[in-house]
Protein backbone atom coordinates (compact mmCIF):
# COMPACT_ATOMS: atom_id res chain seq x y z
CA MET A 1 -176.68 14.53 20.65
CA ILE A 2 -176.90 18.11 21.94
CA TRP A 3 -177.54 19.06 25.56
CA HIS A 4 -178.47 22.48 26.85
CA ASP A 5 -179.32 23.41 30.43
CA ARG A 6 -178.99 19.70 31.36
CA LYS A 7 -181.69 18.71 28.88
CA GLU A 8 -181.48 17.13 25.46
CA PHE A 9 -181.68 19.94 22.94
CA ASN A 10 -183.33 19.72 19.52
CA PRO A 11 -181.85 22.46 17.31
CA GLY A 12 -184.59 22.12 14.72
CA PRO A 13 -184.44 21.47 10.95
CA PRO A 14 -181.16 20.73 9.13
CA LYS A 15 -180.32 24.30 8.06
CA GLN A 16 -180.99 25.53 11.59
CA ARG A 17 -178.70 22.77 12.86
CA ALA A 18 -176.06 23.99 10.39
CA LEU A 19 -176.40 27.52 11.79
CA LEU A 20 -175.88 26.24 15.33
CA ALA A 21 -172.81 24.28 14.14
CA VAL A 22 -171.17 27.42 12.75
CA LEU A 23 -171.96 29.52 15.81
CA SER A 24 -170.80 26.75 18.18
CA MET A 25 -167.48 26.12 16.46
CA ARG A 26 -166.78 29.85 16.52
CA LEU A 27 -167.98 30.64 20.04
CA GLY A 28 -167.62 34.26 21.07
CA GLU A 29 -166.96 35.49 17.52
CA VAL A 30 -169.24 37.87 15.71
CA ILE A 31 -170.06 36.20 12.40
CA SER A 32 -171.51 38.32 9.63
CA ARG A 33 -174.75 37.39 7.92
CA ASP A 34 -172.96 36.89 4.61
CA GLU A 35 -170.48 34.50 6.24
CA LEU A 36 -173.31 32.51 7.76
CA ILE A 37 -175.16 32.31 4.47
CA ASP A 38 -172.00 31.05 2.73
CA ALA A 39 -171.35 28.55 5.51
CA ILE A 40 -174.88 27.13 5.40
CA TRP A 41 -175.83 27.32 1.70
CA GLY A 42 -172.49 27.58 -0.10
CA ASP A 43 -171.90 29.41 -3.37
CA ARG A 44 -175.51 29.32 -4.56
CA PRO A 45 -177.80 30.45 -1.75
CA PRO A 46 -181.50 30.87 -2.52
CA ALA A 47 -183.02 34.33 -2.81
CA THR A 48 -184.71 33.71 0.54
CA ALA A 49 -181.44 32.91 2.38
CA ARG A 50 -181.28 36.15 4.36
CA SER A 51 -184.89 35.95 5.57
CA SER A 52 -184.46 32.23 6.34
CA LEU A 53 -181.35 33.02 8.36
CA HIS A 54 -183.32 35.57 10.39
CA THR A 55 -185.99 32.92 11.05
CA TYR A 56 -183.45 30.31 12.11
CA VAL A 57 -181.79 32.75 14.52
CA ALA A 58 -185.14 33.64 16.05
CA ASN A 59 -186.03 29.97 16.47
CA LEU A 60 -182.70 29.16 18.13
CA ARG A 61 -183.12 32.07 20.52
CA ARG A 62 -186.47 30.71 21.63
CA ARG A 63 -184.94 27.28 22.21
CA LEU A 64 -181.85 28.50 24.08
CA THR A 65 -182.47 29.15 27.75
CA PRO A 66 -181.34 32.61 28.94
CA ARG A 67 -178.50 32.58 31.46
CA ARG A 68 -178.35 34.29 34.83
CA SER A 69 -175.55 36.85 35.15
CA PRO A 70 -174.68 39.51 37.78
CA ASP A 71 -176.70 41.97 35.71
CA GLY A 72 -179.71 39.70 35.42
CA TRP A 73 -180.70 37.32 32.64
CA SER A 74 -178.92 37.32 29.27
CA GLN A 75 -179.57 35.60 25.96
CA PRO A 76 -176.60 33.47 24.75
CA LEU A 77 -177.33 34.23 21.07
CA THR A 78 -177.12 37.94 20.33
CA SER A 79 -176.86 40.13 17.27
CA ASN A 80 -175.60 43.54 16.23
CA ARG A 81 -175.04 45.40 12.99
CA SER A 82 -172.04 43.20 12.16
CA GLY A 83 -173.72 39.82 12.65
CA TYR A 84 -174.46 37.19 15.27
CA VAL A 85 -172.49 35.75 18.17
CA LEU A 86 -173.07 32.73 20.42
CA ASP A 87 -171.68 33.10 23.92
CA LEU A 88 -171.48 29.78 25.76
CA SER A 89 -168.81 28.00 27.79
CA PRO A 90 -166.26 26.31 25.46
CA GLY A 91 -165.96 23.54 28.05
CA GLY A 92 -169.45 22.39 27.16
CA LEU A 93 -168.54 21.72 23.53
CA ASP A 94 -167.06 18.25 22.92
CA ALA A 95 -165.10 19.36 19.85
CA TRP A 96 -163.37 22.17 21.74
CA ARG A 97 -162.75 19.91 24.74
CA PHE A 98 -161.26 17.23 22.46
CA GLU A 99 -158.79 19.68 20.93
CA ASP A 100 -157.83 21.15 24.33
CA LEU A 101 -157.18 17.71 25.82
CA LEU A 102 -155.25 16.68 22.71
CA ALA A 103 -153.01 19.74 23.09
CA GLN A 104 -152.36 18.76 26.72
CA ALA A 105 -151.53 15.18 25.69
CA ARG A 106 -149.07 16.45 23.09
CA GLN A 107 -147.45 18.66 25.69
CA GLY A 108 -146.91 15.59 27.87
CA ARG A 109 -145.46 13.78 24.88
CA ARG A 110 -143.01 16.62 24.21
CA GLY A 111 -142.02 16.37 27.86
CA HIS A 112 -141.19 12.67 27.34
CA ASP A 113 -143.79 11.61 29.90
CA ALA A 114 -145.33 8.73 27.96
CA ARG A 115 -147.75 7.55 30.64
CA THR A 116 -149.16 10.99 31.32
CA ALA A 117 -149.43 11.67 27.59
CA LEU A 118 -151.22 8.36 27.02
CA ALA A 119 -153.77 9.22 29.70
CA GLY A 120 -154.27 12.58 27.97
CA TYR A 121 -154.91 10.93 24.61
CA ASP A 122 -157.41 8.59 26.24
CA ARG A 123 -159.26 11.54 27.76
CA SER A 124 -159.31 13.47 24.49
CA LEU A 125 -160.52 10.52 22.45
CA SER A 126 -163.24 9.79 25.02
CA MET A 127 -164.90 13.03 23.90
CA TRP A 128 -165.99 11.29 20.71
CA ARG A 129 -169.49 9.86 20.82
CA GLY A 130 -170.14 9.53 17.09
CA THR A 131 -169.76 11.63 13.96
CA ALA A 132 -168.93 15.28 14.60
CA LEU A 133 -171.66 17.78 13.69
CA LEU A 134 -173.95 14.94 12.68
CA GLY A 135 -176.97 16.07 10.69
CA ALA A 136 -175.61 19.56 9.99
CA PRO A 137 -175.51 20.27 6.23
CA GLY A 138 -173.53 22.93 4.40
CA PRO A 139 -169.89 23.48 3.42
CA PHE A 140 -168.75 24.72 6.85
CA ALA A 141 -170.05 21.66 8.68
CA GLU A 142 -168.58 19.34 6.04
CA VAL A 143 -165.11 20.88 6.31
CA GLU A 144 -165.20 20.82 10.12
CA ARG A 145 -166.50 17.26 10.16
CA THR A 146 -163.61 16.13 7.94
CA ARG A 147 -161.03 18.17 9.85
CA LEU A 148 -162.09 16.77 13.21
CA ALA A 149 -162.28 13.19 11.90
CA GLU A 150 -158.74 13.41 10.52
CA LEU A 151 -157.47 15.04 13.68
CA ARG A 152 -158.99 12.16 15.62
CA LEU A 153 -157.19 9.67 13.37
CA ILE A 154 -153.89 11.49 13.92
CA ALA A 155 -154.48 11.41 17.69
CA MET A 156 -155.07 7.67 17.48
CA GLN A 157 -151.80 7.20 15.60
CA GLU A 158 -149.89 9.26 18.13
CA ARG A 159 -151.42 7.11 20.86
CA LEU A 160 -150.20 3.99 19.05
CA LEU A 161 -146.63 5.30 19.13
CA LEU A 162 -146.91 5.77 22.88
CA LEU A 163 -148.17 2.21 23.31
CA LEU A 164 -145.09 1.00 21.46
CA GLU A 165 -142.86 3.19 23.61
CA LEU A 166 -144.41 1.63 26.72
CA GLY A 167 -143.96 -1.88 25.33
CA ARG A 168 -147.68 -2.58 25.02
CA ARG A 169 -147.38 -4.31 21.64
CA VAL A 170 -150.43 -6.55 21.86
CA GLU A 171 -152.70 -3.58 22.55
CA ALA A 172 -150.98 -1.54 19.84
CA LEU A 173 -151.42 -4.36 17.30
CA ASN A 174 -155.10 -4.79 18.14
CA ASP A 175 -155.71 -1.05 17.82
CA VAL A 176 -153.82 -0.59 14.56
CA THR A 177 -155.53 -3.65 13.03
CA ALA A 178 -158.93 -2.13 13.84
CA LEU A 179 -157.86 1.21 12.32
CA VAL A 180 -156.55 -0.47 9.17
CA HIS A 181 -159.90 -2.21 8.78
CA GLN A 182 -161.58 1.21 8.85
CA HIS A 183 -158.96 2.90 6.63
CA PRO A 184 -157.56 0.15 4.37
CA LEU A 185 -155.82 2.57 1.98
CA ASN A 186 -154.06 4.60 4.67
CA GLU A 187 -150.39 3.77 4.05
CA HIS A 188 -149.27 5.39 7.29
CA LEU A 189 -151.39 2.95 9.28
CA ARG A 190 -150.15 0.04 7.16
CA ILE A 191 -146.54 0.99 7.92
CA MET A 192 -147.31 1.08 11.62
CA GLN A 193 -148.98 -2.32 11.37
CA MET A 194 -145.93 -3.76 9.59
CA ILE A 195 -143.55 -2.35 12.20
CA ILE A 196 -145.60 -3.65 15.13
CA LEU A 197 -145.83 -7.11 13.54
CA CYS A 198 -142.09 -7.06 12.89
CA ARG A 199 -141.31 -6.09 16.48
CA SER A 200 -143.64 -8.88 17.64
CA GLY A 201 -141.67 -11.49 15.70
CA ARG A 202 -144.36 -11.89 13.02
CA GLN A 203 -142.29 -11.01 9.95
CA ALA A 204 -144.32 -13.20 7.58
CA ASP A 205 -147.51 -11.38 8.57
CA ALA A 206 -145.74 -8.04 8.06
CA PHE A 207 -144.82 -9.05 4.49
CA ARG A 208 -148.41 -10.11 3.85
CA VAL A 209 -149.60 -6.66 4.96
CA PHE A 210 -147.30 -5.07 2.37
CA GLU A 211 -148.57 -7.37 -0.39
CA GLU A 212 -152.21 -6.71 0.55
CA THR A 213 -151.60 -2.97 0.59
CA GLN A 214 -149.84 -3.08 -2.77
CA ARG A 215 -152.79 -4.91 -4.34
CA ALA A 216 -155.37 -2.64 -2.72
CA LEU A 217 -153.64 0.56 -3.87
CA ALA A 218 -153.39 -0.75 -7.44
CA ALA A 219 -156.99 -1.96 -7.54
CA GLU A 220 -158.66 1.00 -5.81
CA LEU A 221 -156.46 3.96 -6.77
CA GLY A 222 -154.28 2.70 -9.61
CA ILE A 223 -151.09 3.75 -7.80
CA ALA A 224 -147.95 2.10 -6.45
CA PRO A 225 -146.99 2.12 -2.75
CA SER A 226 -145.41 5.30 -1.42
CA TYR A 227 -141.69 5.74 -0.88
CA GLU A 228 -142.10 5.29 2.89
CA LEU A 229 -144.02 2.04 2.49
CA ARG A 230 -141.49 0.66 -0.02
CA LEU A 231 -138.62 1.68 2.27
CA CYS A 232 -140.18 -0.19 5.18
CA HIS A 233 -140.53 -3.24 2.96
CA GLU A 234 -136.91 -3.00 1.77
CA TRP A 235 -135.61 -2.84 5.33
CA MET A 236 -137.55 -5.95 6.21
CA LEU A 237 -136.11 -7.72 3.16
CA ARG A 238 -132.59 -6.81 4.33
CA GLY A 239 -133.07 -8.71 7.55
CA ASN A 240 -135.84 -6.96 9.45
CA PRO A 241 -133.78 -4.22 11.12
CA GLU A 242 -135.22 -2.41 14.10
CA LEU A 243 -137.68 0.12 12.74
CA GLU A 244 -138.83 3.35 14.27
CA LEU A 245 -141.78 5.39 12.99
CA ARG A 246 -142.02 9.06 13.81
CA VAL A 247 -144.93 11.29 12.85
CA THR A 248 -143.22 14.40 11.48
CA SER A 249 -146.01 16.55 10.10
CA MET A 250 -149.46 17.17 11.49
CA HIS A 251 -150.84 20.25 9.80
CA ILE A 252 -154.57 20.83 9.56
CA PRO A 253 -155.16 23.30 6.70
CA GLY A 254 -158.26 25.40 6.30
CA ALA A 255 -161.24 25.24 3.98
CA GLY A 256 -160.65 24.62 0.32
CA ARG A 257 -157.73 22.23 0.91
CA PRO A 258 -157.49 18.69 2.27
CA ALA A 259 -158.66 18.74 5.86
CA GLY A 260 -155.63 16.98 7.25
CA HIS A 261 -152.07 16.02 6.40
CA TYR A 262 -149.64 13.81 8.16
CA GLY A 263 -146.57 11.91 7.13
CA GLY A 264 -144.05 9.51 8.55
CA VAL A 265 -140.30 9.22 8.41
CA LEU A 266 -138.75 5.82 8.88
CA ALA A 267 -135.37 5.51 10.53
CA GLY A 268 -133.54 2.22 10.64
CA GLN A 269 -131.33 1.24 13.52
CA GLN A 270 -128.92 -1.67 13.93
CA GLY A 271 -130.33 -4.91 15.27
CA ARG A 272 -133.29 -7.11 14.53
CA CYS A 273 -136.98 -6.88 15.35
CA HIS A 274 -137.75 -8.27 18.77
């Protein structure tokens, strides 16, 4: 859902929605016409792409309410010889707000303030009200949709670690179980589920998770469990030592590569799960 000037805003047909998606995600930047054409149509734009782009821009301008400024009224969508630029408040864009709040939550986490960080993750994740850039076609929207979805998943995993740190195992187990249901082949989530079950005294259930994951990976992808997943299983076989999971890499690459990457390092400590 899009709101503008406190009213629900209909950006128009799909390609026009894709144009608004590009301009919104790059607020304040001048984007050339060729960039916009590539972002909306991809490698094979129609011969009419440039004229269609001009029409979409004109339609969006009519739909966007001019803003009052000290110098009078101004149009938020402007153009020059280089291209087009959308000038709106970043605070009004959920995607930008989500990333800003996530950065603040991570800062709290680096400061070892688990409760403040957890509240920050809750605020950032509350920005989600459905699929990002829903209904916007084109390669740009698809890459951004995937990037934001994977960043959301990473944020959820970081939040799970904080729940464990605060001793809220029941909540952590409920949350990770729901995430595993949505992402059954995500080994990182499966490891977290095994660790939480182990710490909750449910070792048999943790072993069942490993066996289910092993079967699912073989059936769906034709692969064996990763080194990290096997290592977690081996530690449990040795007597269920205390396990700690740390997210060590959270890099979001650009277009043309996977939209997200994260990994876990397992570190065993003396003692038993409790």
